[in-house]
Amino acid sequence: MSTRTSHAGTGVGTGMGTGVEASVDITELYAAHRLALVRLAVLLVDDLASAEDVVQDAFAALARRPEAVRDPSRALAYLRVSVVNTARSALRRRRTARAYAPPRDTGPPSPEESAVLAEEHREVIVALRRLAPRQREVLVLRYWSNLTEAEIAAALDISQGTVKSTASRALVALQKSLREIEGEEER
């Protein structure tokens, strides 16, 4: 099976309107230049397996778009540029992958940690229920939903100044309520 492609009628791979047809034989290019292109890619990506992938991608791109090379004598130059660009992309992906630090899996909390956390959450929820409705709304929107003062003001149809003062008073009231809850539990 030949990979010789003819581009008659496309204006690509022809003698620029002279009627002389030329074509790129990818099989011949591959056999003649693959090793040199892999060596080039190894110098760029520093890894043989990645270099081979880069060269394979360059040849695959040429096979998908043989019309990209108008002059068959420039096919090798096209492949070199493709190898360099693909190597750059591979290095960017590699750098991005190495920079990513997955979240540290700490595993499930111990039963003791769960009990303490559950108790603290319960206390906060009880203290929140003791607040005035608007104070509770402002604190929940601010600290649970992570909304800005402007977003809270828009959501509650109040001014930003009201959001600030309500949040300040609500935090004081919440702290007082939490102390009361702790005092009730100590008795």
Protein backbone atom coordinates (compact mmCIF):
# COMPACT_ATOMS: atom_id res chain seq x y z
CA MET A 1 0.00 0.00 0.00
CA SER A 2 1.57 3.26 -1.05
CA THR A 3 1.27 6.47 0.91
CA ARG A 4 2.15 8.51 -2.14
CA THR A 5 -0.47 11.20 -2.36
CA SER A 6 -1.49 13.17 -5.39
CA HIS A 7 -2.92 16.63 -5.05
CA ALA A 8 -4.07 17.32 -8.57
CA GLY A 9 -6.80 19.90 -8.64
CA THR A 10 -5.98 21.33 -5.20
CA GLY A 11 -3.13 23.51 -6.30
CA VAL A 12 -1.11 21.89 -3.57
CA GLY A 13 1.86 19.74 -4.39
CA THR A 14 1.74 20.85 -7.99
CA GLY A 15 4.29 22.76 -9.92
CA MET A 16 2.52 26.04 -9.04
CA GLY A 17 0.17 25.97 -11.98
CA THR A 18 2.72 24.62 -14.47
CA GLY A 19 0.79 21.41 -14.89
CA VAL A 20 3.74 19.38 -13.51
CA GLU A 21 2.50 17.32 -10.58
CA ALA A 22 4.69 16.60 -7.59
CA SER A 23 3.81 14.73 -4.43
CA VAL A 24 5.17 13.91 -1.02
CA ASP A 25 5.89 10.26 -0.33
CA ILE A 26 5.54 10.02 3.45
CA THR A 27 6.84 6.44 3.53
CA GLU A 28 10.09 7.47 1.88
CA LEU A 29 10.40 10.52 4.15
CA TYR A 30 9.80 8.35 7.20
CA ALA A 31 12.37 5.76 6.18
CA ALA A 32 14.99 8.37 5.30
CA HIS A 33 14.56 10.91 8.11
CA ARG A 34 12.79 9.34 11.10
CA LEU A 35 16.00 8.56 12.98
CA ALA A 36 17.45 12.07 12.52
CA LEU A 37 14.16 13.61 13.62
CA VAL A 38 14.03 11.37 16.70
CA ARG A 39 17.58 12.47 17.57
CA LEU A 40 16.49 16.09 17.23
CA ALA A 41 13.45 15.48 19.42
CA VAL A 42 15.52 13.66 22.07
CA LEU A 43 17.71 16.73 22.39
CA LEU A 44 14.60 18.86 22.86
CA VAL A 45 12.51 16.70 25.20
CA ASP A 46 15.31 14.69 26.87
CA ASP A 47 13.36 11.42 26.75
CA LEU A 48 13.42 8.79 23.99
CA ALA A 49 9.82 7.67 24.37
CA SER A 50 8.53 11.24 24.26
CA ALA A 51 10.83 12.02 21.32
CA GLU A 52 9.45 9.09 19.35
CA ASP A 53 5.91 10.28 20.12
CA VAL A 54 6.81 13.79 18.96
CA VAL A 55 8.18 12.51 15.65
CA GLN A 56 5.22 10.19 15.17
CA ASP A 57 2.87 13.13 15.75
CA ALA A 58 4.75 15.21 13.18
CA PHE A 59 4.45 12.48 10.54
CA ALA A 60 0.80 11.91 11.44
CA ALA A 61 0.12 15.63 11.00
CA LEU A 62 1.76 15.55 7.59
CA ALA A 63 -0.25 12.47 6.61
CA ARG A 64 -3.49 14.16 7.68
CA ARG A 65 -2.65 17.36 5.80
CA PRO A 66 -0.28 16.59 2.95
CA GLU A 67 -1.42 19.80 1.29
CA ALA A 68 0.39 21.72 4.06
CA VAL A 69 3.60 21.16 2.09
CA ARG A 70 3.24 22.95 -1.22
CA ASP A 71 6.75 22.07 -2.39
CA PRO A 72 7.72 18.42 -1.77
CA SER A 73 11.36 19.46 -1.38
CA ARG A 74 10.23 21.42 1.73
CA ALA A 75 8.58 18.42 3.39
CA LEU A 76 11.61 17.71 5.58
CA ALA A 77 11.72 21.35 6.70
CA TYR A 78 8.01 21.12 7.52
CA LEU A 79 8.65 18.00 9.60
CA ARG A 80 11.53 19.66 11.48
CA VAL A 81 9.37 22.66 12.36
CA SER A 82 6.57 20.31 13.38
CA VAL A 83 8.95 18.32 15.62
CA VAL A 84 10.22 21.49 17.30
CA ASN A 85 6.70 22.83 17.88
CA THR A 86 5.39 19.50 19.12
CA ALA A 87 8.39 19.16 21.45
CA ARG A 88 7.65 22.61 22.88
CA SER A 89 4.06 21.57 23.50
CA ALA A 90 5.20 18.36 25.17
CA LEU A 91 7.55 20.31 27.44
CA ARG A 92 4.76 22.74 28.38
CA ARG A 93 2.45 19.84 29.25
CA ARG A 94 5.23 18.18 31.23
CA ARG A 95 5.98 21.41 33.12
CA THR A 96 2.29 21.88 33.90
CA ALA A 97 1.95 18.29 35.06
CA ARG A 98 5.00 18.56 37.31
CA ALA A 99 3.78 21.84 38.80
CA TYR A 100 0.46 20.28 39.77
CA ALA A 101 0.43 19.06 43.33
CA PRO A 102 -2.58 16.84 43.91
CA PRO A 103 -4.47 17.43 47.12
CA ARG A 104 -2.91 15.54 49.96
CA ASP A 105 -5.09 12.63 50.90
CA THR A 106 -5.14 12.59 54.64
CA GLY A 107 -7.56 9.72 54.76
CA PRO A 108 -10.73 9.64 56.75
CA PRO A 109 -10.68 11.32 60.15
CA SER A 110 -10.28 9.13 63.18
CA PRO A 111 -13.40 8.45 65.24
CA GLU A 112 -12.14 10.88 67.88
CA GLU A 113 -11.56 13.62 65.28
CA SER A 114 -15.01 12.99 63.82
CA ALA A 115 -16.63 13.24 67.21
CA VAL A 116 -14.84 16.49 68.07
CA LEU A 117 -15.55 17.97 64.65
CA ALA A 118 -19.19 16.91 64.80
CA GLU A 119 -19.53 18.49 68.23
CA GLU A 120 -17.92 21.75 67.06
CA HIS A 121 -20.22 21.85 64.01
CA ARG A 122 -23.22 21.16 66.18
CA GLU A 123 -22.27 24.01 68.51
CA VAL A 124 -21.81 26.44 65.62
CA ILE A 125 -25.15 25.46 64.09
CA VAL A 126 -26.92 25.90 67.43
CA ALA A 127 -25.24 29.31 67.87
CA LEU A 128 -26.20 30.32 64.31
CA ARG A 129 -29.85 29.45 65.00
CA ARG A 130 -29.80 31.83 67.96
CA LEU A 131 -28.89 34.78 65.72
CA ALA A 132 -31.40 37.16 64.18
CA PRO A 133 -32.42 36.01 60.68
CA ARG A 134 -30.56 38.78 58.83
CA GLN A 135 -27.38 38.19 60.88
CA ARG A 136 -27.57 34.49 60.12
CA GLU A 137 -28.11 35.17 56.42
CA VAL A 138 -25.14 37.54 56.22
CA LEU A 139 -22.78 35.13 57.99
CA VAL A 140 -23.90 32.12 55.97
CA LEU A 141 -23.55 34.01 52.68
CA ARG A 142 -20.17 35.39 53.67
CA TYR A 143 -18.47 32.39 55.29
CA TRP A 144 -20.31 29.42 53.81
CA SER A 145 -21.00 30.68 50.30
CA ASN A 146 -17.86 32.87 50.13
CA LEU A 147 -19.74 35.84 48.69
CA THR A 148 -18.28 39.32 48.69
CA GLU A 149 -19.94 42.18 50.53
CA ALA A 150 -21.27 43.50 47.22
CA GLU A 151 -22.72 40.10 46.30
CA ILE A 152 -24.34 39.75 49.73
CA ALA A 153 -25.79 43.25 49.46
CA ALA A 154 -27.28 42.40 46.07
CA ALA A 155 -28.63 39.04 47.28
CA LEU A 156 -30.30 40.52 50.35
CA ASP A 157 -31.21 43.86 48.72
CA ILE A 158 -29.40 45.89 51.37
CA SER A 159 -26.46 48.30 51.24
CA GLN A 160 -22.84 47.20 51.58
CA GLY A 161 -22.58 49.28 54.74
CA THR A 162 -25.47 47.32 56.23
CA VAL A 163 -23.72 44.08 55.27
CA LYS A 164 -20.53 45.19 57.06
CA SER A 165 -22.26 46.33 60.23
CA THR A 166 -24.57 43.29 60.32
CA ALA A 167 -21.63 40.92 59.86
CA SER A 168 -19.67 42.65 62.62
CA ARG A 169 -22.57 42.49 65.09
CA ALA A 170 -23.37 38.91 64.05
CA LEU A 171 -19.81 37.72 64.72
CA VAL A 172 -19.89 39.28 68.20
CA ALA A 173 -23.26 37.68 68.88
CA LEU A 174 -22.07 34.33 67.52
CA GLN A 175 -18.98 34.36 69.72
CA LYS A 176 -21.10 35.21 72.78
CA SER A 177 -23.55 32.44 71.90
CA LEU A 178 -20.74 29.89 71.50
CA ARG A 179 -19.38 30.81 74.95
CA GLU A 180 -22.86 30.33 76.42
CA ILE A 181 -23.18 26.93 74.75
CA GLU A 182 -19.80 25.84 76.12
CA GLY A 183 -20.84 27.06 79.59
CA GLU A 184 -24.09 25.11 79.39
CA GLU A 185 -22.21 21.93 78.50
CA GLU A 186 -19.76 22.30 81.37
CA ARG A 187 -22.59 22.34 83.92
